[in-house]
N, C-alpha and C. Protein backbone atom coordinates (compact mmCIF):
# COMPACT_ATOMS: atom_id res chain seq x y z
N UNK A 1 234.78 10.88 109.04
CA UNK A 1 234.22 11.72 107.66
C UNK A 1 235.47 12.94 107.20
N UNK A 2 235.56 12.71 105.92
CA UNK A 2 236.46 13.81 105.53
C UNK A 2 236.14 15.47 105.68
N UNK A 3 236.69 16.50 105.70
CA UNK A 3 236.14 17.66 105.79
C UNK A 3 236.28 18.08 104.68
N UNK A 4 235.03 18.54 103.87
CA UNK A 4 234.88 19.02 102.48
C UNK A 4 233.73 20.88 102.79
N UNK A 5 234.66 21.25 101.83
CA UNK A 5 233.46 22.28 101.78
C UNK A 5 231.93 22.23 101.19
N UNK A 6 230.86 22.86 101.60
CA UNK A 6 229.73 21.92 101.33
C UNK A 6 229.12 23.27 100.32
N UNK A 7 229.09 24.36 101.05
CA UNK A 7 228.15 25.62 100.51
C UNK A 7 229.25 26.97 100.75
N UNK A 8 229.17 28.14 100.37
CA UNK A 8 229.18 29.49 100.74
C UNK A 8 228.45 30.58 100.19
N UNK A 9 228.08 31.41 100.94
CA UNK A 9 227.35 32.41 100.58
C UNK A 9 227.69 33.63 99.83
N UNK A 10 227.40 34.21 98.72
CA UNK A 10 228.13 35.07 98.04
C UNK A 10 227.25 36.28 98.00
N UNK A 11 227.47 37.41 98.19
CA UNK A 11 226.82 38.75 98.69
C UNK A 11 226.37 39.00 97.62
N UNK A 12 225.26 39.50 96.98
CA UNK A 12 225.15 40.08 95.54
C UNK A 12 224.16 41.45 96.24
N UNK A 13 224.05 42.35 94.77
CA UNK A 13 222.81 43.65 94.84
C UNK A 13 221.89 42.80 94.30
N UNK A 14 221.68 41.63 93.46
CA UNK A 14 220.73 41.17 93.20
C UNK A 14 220.78 39.37 93.07
N UNK A 15 220.47 38.73 94.15
CA UNK A 15 220.61 37.34 93.87
C UNK A 15 220.83 36.56 92.51
N UNK A 16 219.50 36.75 91.51
CA UNK A 16 219.46 36.30 90.53
C UNK A 16 220.00 36.72 89.26
N UNK A 17 220.62 38.09 89.53
CA UNK A 17 221.30 38.77 88.45
C UNK A 17 222.90 37.77 88.33
N UNK A 18 223.28 37.90 89.70
CA UNK A 18 224.56 37.61 90.29
C UNK A 18 224.71 35.66 89.75
N UNK A 19 223.77 35.04 90.38
CA UNK A 19 223.80 33.64 89.95
C UNK A 19 223.76 33.42 88.57
N UNK A 20 222.83 34.03 87.81
CA UNK A 20 222.51 33.76 86.20
C UNK A 20 223.99 34.09 85.87
N UNK A 21 224.62 35.48 86.24
CA UNK A 21 225.87 35.35 85.14
C UNK A 21 226.51 34.75 85.44
N UNK A 22 227.04 34.07 86.70
CA UNK A 22 227.94 32.98 86.80
C UNK A 22 227.54 31.87 86.54
N UNK A 23 226.48 31.29 86.64
CA UNK A 23 226.11 30.16 85.76
C UNK A 23 226.22 29.88 84.30
N UNK A 24 225.57 31.34 83.69
CA UNK A 24 225.94 31.15 82.14
C UNK A 24 227.16 31.34 81.50
N UNK A 25 228.11 32.29 82.23
CA UNK A 25 229.15 32.42 82.01
C UNK A 25 229.81 30.93 82.10
N UNK A 26 229.66 29.94 82.65
CA UNK A 26 230.80 29.03 83.09
C UNK A 26 229.70 27.34 82.54
N UNK A 27 228.61 27.93 82.23
CA UNK A 27 227.88 26.69 81.79
C UNK A 27 227.50 25.66 82.72
N UNK A 28 227.14 26.34 84.03
CA UNK A 28 226.54 25.71 85.02
C UNK A 28 224.80 25.61 85.44
N UNK A 29 224.15 25.14 86.17
CA UNK A 29 223.17 25.25 86.41
C UNK A 29 222.93 25.90 87.72
N UNK A 30 221.67 26.60 87.54
CA UNK A 30 221.12 27.03 88.79
C UNK A 30 220.43 26.15 89.45
N UNK A 31 221.12 25.72 90.77
CA UNK A 31 220.83 24.31 91.41
C UNK A 31 219.13 24.51 92.43
N UNK A 32 218.58 25.63 92.51
CA UNK A 32 217.63 25.94 93.26
C UNK A 32 217.90 27.15 93.99
N UNK A 33 216.35 27.22 94.57
CA UNK A 33 216.23 28.55 95.26
C UNK A 33 215.60 28.05 96.87
N UNK A 34 216.40 28.61 97.80
CA UNK A 34 216.17 28.23 99.37
C UNK A 34 215.99 29.65 99.70
N UNK A 35 214.77 29.80 100.41
CA UNK A 35 214.52 31.42 101.33
C UNK A 35 215.29 32.32 100.35
N UNK A 36 216.32 32.79 100.96
CA UNK A 36 217.04 34.41 100.06
C UNK A 36 218.13 33.66 99.40
N UNK A 37 218.68 32.59 99.28
CA UNK A 37 219.59 31.95 98.49
C UNK A 37 219.29 31.49 96.75
N UNK A 38 220.13 31.96 95.73
CA UNK A 38 220.04 31.20 94.56
C UNK A 38 221.26 30.04 94.16
N UNK A 39 221.23 29.22 94.34
CA UNK A 39 222.51 28.32 94.57
C UNK A 39 223.08 27.90 93.08
N UNK A 40 224.26 28.04 92.92
CA UNK A 40 224.87 27.37 91.76
C UNK A 40 225.82 26.31 92.28
N UNK A 41 225.49 25.20 91.67
CA UNK A 41 226.39 23.95 91.81
C UNK A 41 227.50 23.61 91.03
N UNK A 42 228.62 23.51 92.02
CA UNK A 42 229.93 23.34 91.05
C UNK A 42 229.93 21.82 90.86
N UNK A 43 231.05 21.51 89.96
CA UNK A 43 231.02 19.95 89.87
C UNK A 43 231.76 19.18 90.75
N UNK A 44 232.33 19.64 91.72
CA UNK A 44 232.66 19.01 92.98
C UNK A 44 231.40 19.11 94.03
N UNK A 45 230.34 19.66 94.00
CA UNK A 45 229.36 19.37 94.84
C UNK A 45 228.88 20.75 95.59
N UNK A 46 229.93 21.53 95.46
CA UNK A 46 229.83 22.48 96.44
C UNK A 46 228.77 23.86 95.34
N UNK A 47 227.84 24.46 96.47
CA UNK A 47 227.59 25.44 95.92
C UNK A 47 227.74 26.85 96.36
N UNK A 48 227.74 27.67 95.43
CA UNK A 48 227.91 29.20 95.76
C UNK A 48 226.24 29.65 95.88
N UNK A 49 225.79 29.99 96.98
CA UNK A 49 224.59 30.69 97.23
C UNK A 49 224.47 32.08 97.36
N UNK A 50 223.84 32.54 96.28
CA UNK A 50 223.99 34.01 96.31
C UNK A 50 222.76 34.64 96.90
N UNK A 51 223.23 35.67 97.90
CA UNK A 51 222.13 36.25 98.57
C UNK A 51 222.11 37.71 98.27
N UNK A 52 221.25 38.40 98.14
CA UNK A 52 220.68 39.83 97.93
C UNK A 52 221.43 40.01 99.35
N UNK A 53 222.15 41.55 99.51
CA UNK A 53 222.74 42.01 100.55
C UNK A 53 222.50 43.53 100.03
N UNK A 54 222.13 44.54 100.95
CA UNK A 54 222.45 45.83 100.93
C UNK A 54 224.08 46.13 100.05
N UNK A 55 223.97 46.92 99.59
CA UNK A 55 225.52 47.54 99.10
C UNK A 55 226.58 48.03 99.73
N UNK A 56 226.28 48.24 101.03
CA UNK A 56 227.26 48.36 101.96
C UNK A 56 227.68 47.39 102.95
N UNK A 57 226.94 46.45 102.50
CA UNK A 57 227.31 45.30 103.52
C UNK A 57 228.09 44.26 102.43
N UNK A 58 228.47 44.47 101.19
CA UNK A 58 228.78 43.94 100.27
C UNK A 58 230.28 44.07 100.30
N UNK A 59 231.14 42.90 100.65
CA UNK A 59 232.47 43.53 100.82
C UNK A 59 233.15 42.42 99.68
N UNK A 60 233.78 42.96 98.79
CA UNK A 60 234.26 42.64 97.57
C UNK A 60 235.27 40.99 98.10
N UNK A 61 235.36 39.86 97.40
CA UNK A 61 235.90 38.72 97.51
C UNK A 61 236.43 38.47 96.19
N UNK A 62 237.37 37.36 96.64
CA UNK A 62 237.83 36.70 95.46
C UNK A 62 237.64 35.41 95.38
N UNK A 63 237.19 34.91 94.16
CA UNK A 63 236.71 33.58 93.90
C UNK A 63 237.64 33.00 92.60
N UNK A 64 238.44 32.06 93.16
CA UNK A 64 239.43 31.56 91.89
C UNK A 64 238.79 29.87 91.58
N UNK A 65 238.17 29.78 90.10
CA UNK A 65 238.04 28.32 89.95
C UNK A 65 238.99 27.80 88.90
N UNK A 66 239.22 26.47 89.21
CA UNK A 66 239.88 25.28 88.35
C UNK A 66 239.12 24.95 86.96
N UNK A 67 239.26 25.27 85.86
CA UNK A 67 238.55 25.17 84.80
C UNK A 67 239.50 24.38 83.94
N UNK A 68 238.40 23.65 82.90
CA UNK A 68 239.80 22.46 81.83
C UNK A 68 239.95 24.01 81.08
N UNK A 69 240.85 23.51 80.04
CA UNK A 69 241.13 24.16 79.07
C UNK A 69 239.52 24.57 78.10
N UNK A 70 239.03 23.57 78.00
CA UNK A 70 237.85 23.88 76.97
C UNK A 70 236.56 24.82 77.49
N UNK A 71 236.67 24.36 78.80
CA UNK A 71 235.56 25.58 79.61
C UNK A 71 236.50 26.73 80.02
N UNK A 72 237.33 27.15 79.94
CA UNK A 72 238.28 28.55 79.67
C UNK A 72 238.02 28.83 78.19
N UNK A 73 237.94 28.27 77.57
CA UNK A 73 238.08 28.74 76.16
C UNK A 73 236.69 29.55 75.75
N UNK A 74 235.69 28.54 76.47
CA UNK A 74 233.92 28.72 76.31
C UNK A 74 233.83 30.15 76.98
N UNK A 75 234.45 30.37 78.31
CA UNK A 75 234.20 31.04 79.20
C UNK A 75 234.99 32.88 78.64
N UNK A 76 236.13 32.24 78.39
CA UNK A 76 237.00 33.50 77.75
C UNK A 76 236.18 33.84 76.55
N UNK A 77 235.82 33.35 75.64
CA UNK A 77 235.00 33.71 74.44
C UNK A 77 233.64 34.52 74.72
N UNK A 78 232.81 34.46 75.82
CA UNK A 78 231.76 35.23 76.27
C UNK A 78 232.26 36.33 76.91
N UNK A 79 233.09 36.08 77.89
CA UNK A 79 234.12 37.35 78.33
C UNK A 79 234.28 38.25 77.29
N UNK A 80 234.85 37.94 76.28
CA UNK A 80 235.32 38.89 75.10
C UNK A 80 234.38 39.28 74.61
N UNK A 81 233.16 38.41 74.03
CA UNK A 81 232.28 38.87 73.12
C UNK A 81 231.24 39.77 73.70
N UNK A 82 230.85 39.80 75.14
CA UNK A 82 230.41 40.87 75.96
C UNK A 82 230.65 41.99 76.39
N UNK A 83 232.09 41.77 76.22
CA UNK A 83 232.98 43.34 76.22
C UNK A 83 233.15 43.51 77.94
N UNK A 84 233.37 42.22 78.53
CA UNK A 84 233.17 42.12 79.79
C UNK A 84 234.84 42.67 80.63
N UNK A 85 235.10 43.98 81.24
CA UNK A 85 236.46 43.85 81.55
C UNK A 85 237.17 42.91 82.26
N UNK A 86 238.43 42.80 81.89
CA UNK A 86 239.22 41.36 82.45
C UNK A 86 240.72 41.64 82.34
N UNK A 87 241.41 41.20 83.28
CA UNK A 87 242.85 41.37 83.14
C UNK A 87 243.44 40.09 83.47
N UNK A 88 244.93 39.79 83.09
CA UNK A 88 245.78 39.20 83.14
C UNK A 88 246.50 39.03 84.58
N UNK A 89 246.24 39.70 85.56
CA UNK A 89 246.54 40.12 86.91
C UNK A 89 245.58 40.47 87.85
N UNK A 90 245.57 40.11 89.45
CA UNK A 90 244.96 40.63 90.32
C UNK A 90 245.16 42.12 90.62
N UNK A 91 246.14 42.68 90.17
CA UNK A 91 245.99 44.39 90.57
C UNK A 91 245.29 45.07 89.01
N UNK A 92 244.92 44.37 88.21
CA UNK A 92 244.42 45.04 87.28
C UNK A 92 245.11 46.02 86.24
N UNK A 93 246.73 45.48 86.11
CA UNK A 93 247.47 45.99 85.54
C UNK A 93 247.72 45.92 83.71
N UNK A 94 247.31 44.60 83.61
CA UNK A 94 247.40 43.88 82.26
C UNK A 94 245.99 43.83 81.80
N UNK A 95 245.02 44.78 80.99
CA UNK A 95 243.81 44.95 80.87
C UNK A 95 243.66 44.03 79.43
N UNK A 96 242.19 43.01 79.72
CA UNK A 96 242.22 42.99 78.21
C UNK A 96 242.97 41.61 77.48
N UNK A 97 243.76 41.24 78.54
CA UNK A 97 244.52 40.08 78.08
C UNK A 97 244.15 38.96 79.26
N UNK A 98 244.97 37.52 79.05
CA UNK A 98 245.17 36.59 79.97
C UNK A 98 246.59 36.55 80.22
N UNK A 99 246.85 35.53 81.75
CA UNK A 99 248.04 34.92 81.80
C UNK A 99 248.40 33.29 81.67
N UNK A 100 249.82 33.18 81.56
CA UNK A 100 250.00 31.79 81.59
C UNK A 100 251.04 31.38 82.57
N UNK A 101 250.28 31.37 83.63
CA UNK A 101 251.09 31.53 84.91
C UNK A 101 250.89 29.81 85.11
N UNK A 102 252.02 29.07 85.75
CA UNK A 102 252.33 27.61 85.83
C UNK A 102 252.01 26.90 84.74
N UNK A 103 252.03 27.44 83.83
CA UNK A 103 252.07 26.46 82.19
C UNK A 103 250.60 26.58 82.02
N UNK A 104 249.42 27.36 82.64
CA UNK A 104 248.33 27.06 82.25
C UNK A 104 247.95 28.55 81.53
N UNK A 105 246.51 28.57 81.71
CA UNK A 105 245.98 29.99 81.26
C UNK A 105 245.17 30.46 82.38
N UNK A 106 244.89 31.80 82.63
CA UNK A 106 244.11 32.29 83.49
C UNK A 106 243.83 33.95 83.36
N UNK A 107 242.75 34.13 84.03
CA UNK A 107 242.11 35.58 83.88
C UNK A 107 241.45 36.14 84.81
N UNK A 108 241.32 37.13 85.24
CA UNK A 108 240.32 38.00 86.33
C UNK A 108 239.37 38.86 85.44
N UNK A 109 238.04 38.55 86.10
CA UNK A 109 236.76 39.75 85.79
C UNK A 109 236.33 40.12 87.22
N UNK A 110 235.56 40.99 87.29
CA UNK A 110 234.53 41.09 88.11
C UNK A 110 232.94 40.55 87.87
N UNK A 111 232.52 40.34 88.88
CA UNK A 111 230.86 39.63 88.60
C UNK A 111 230.20 40.91 89.26
N UNK A 112 228.76 40.90 88.73
CA UNK A 112 227.88 41.89 88.88
C UNK A 112 228.17 42.70 90.25
N UNK A 113 228.38 42.17 91.37
CA UNK A 113 228.51 42.92 93.03
C UNK A 113 229.79 43.53 92.87
N UNK A 114 231.06 42.99 92.21
CA UNK A 114 232.03 43.69 92.34
C UNK A 114 232.80 42.20 92.86
N UNK A 115 232.81 41.09 92.84
CA UNK A 115 233.68 40.43 93.36
C UNK A 115 234.83 39.97 92.56
N UNK A 116 235.60 39.50 92.97
CA UNK A 116 236.96 39.83 91.85
C UNK A 116 236.82 37.74 91.62
N UNK A 117 236.40 37.53 90.24
CA UNK A 117 236.55 36.12 90.09
C UNK A 117 237.59 35.75 88.99
N UNK A 118 238.02 34.60 89.08
CA UNK A 118 239.51 33.99 88.32
C UNK A 118 239.18 32.80 88.13
N UNK A 119 239.89 32.75 86.66
CA UNK A 119 239.34 31.30 85.97
C UNK A 119 241.19 30.83 85.76
N UNK A 120 241.19 29.73 85.83
CA UNK A 120 242.68 28.99 85.86
C UNK A 120 242.56 27.81 85.39
N UNK A 121 243.32 27.27 84.14
CA UNK A 121 243.48 25.79 84.11
C UNK A 121 244.33 25.01 84.69
N UNK A 122 245.50 25.61 85.53
CA UNK A 122 246.41 25.00 86.37
C UNK A 122 246.42 25.29 87.34
N UNK A 123 246.80 24.73 88.38
CA UNK A 123 246.50 25.41 89.88
C UNK A 123 247.99 25.88 90.18
N UNK A 124 247.67 26.61 91.48
CA UNK A 124 249.03 27.25 91.52
C UNK A 124 249.84 26.72 92.14
N UNK A 125 251.27 26.69 91.36
CA UNK A 125 252.43 26.03 91.67
C UNK A 125 252.23 24.54 90.80
N UNK A 126 251.70 24.59 89.82
CA UNK A 126 251.59 23.93 88.52
C UNK A 126 250.88 22.41 89.21
N UNK A 127 250.77 21.17 88.52
CA UNK A 127 250.04 20.09 88.63
C UNK A 127 251.21 19.45 89.58
N UNK A 128 250.91 18.24 90.47
CA UNK A 128 252.08 17.99 91.63
C UNK A 128 252.55 16.75 90.40
N UNK A 129 253.94 16.42 90.40
CA UNK A 129 254.61 15.50 90.17
C UNK A 129 253.69 14.01 90.31
N UNK A 130 253.82 13.08 89.00
CA UNK A 130 253.18 11.98 89.12
C UNK A 130 254.38 11.02 89.33
């Protein structure tokens, strides 16, 4: 059997709020609820299982998502329409814009729990040569 990531737990101040924010922004579905988890399923079968945790237990993490140009356009439109603070870089030095790294587009923003979310249309280093 090949090794694949199946799911990861994402701490949130409110598991429903964070899961709904993420799912709605990217046009995804809530896959279900199991115990303290609200799961959002990604296209490759991985789920992000949002779990409510005390604020002092939330360590901000970084989550990067490879999306199509069409998905980027839709998500970025929602980011700008909602006034979600965003940056072209992870150090937050270039606010209100996107980057064009590796010939694609990318943007950074924070989710409701303070996790750094990144959307990119081309993987780091560019697409492999065919």
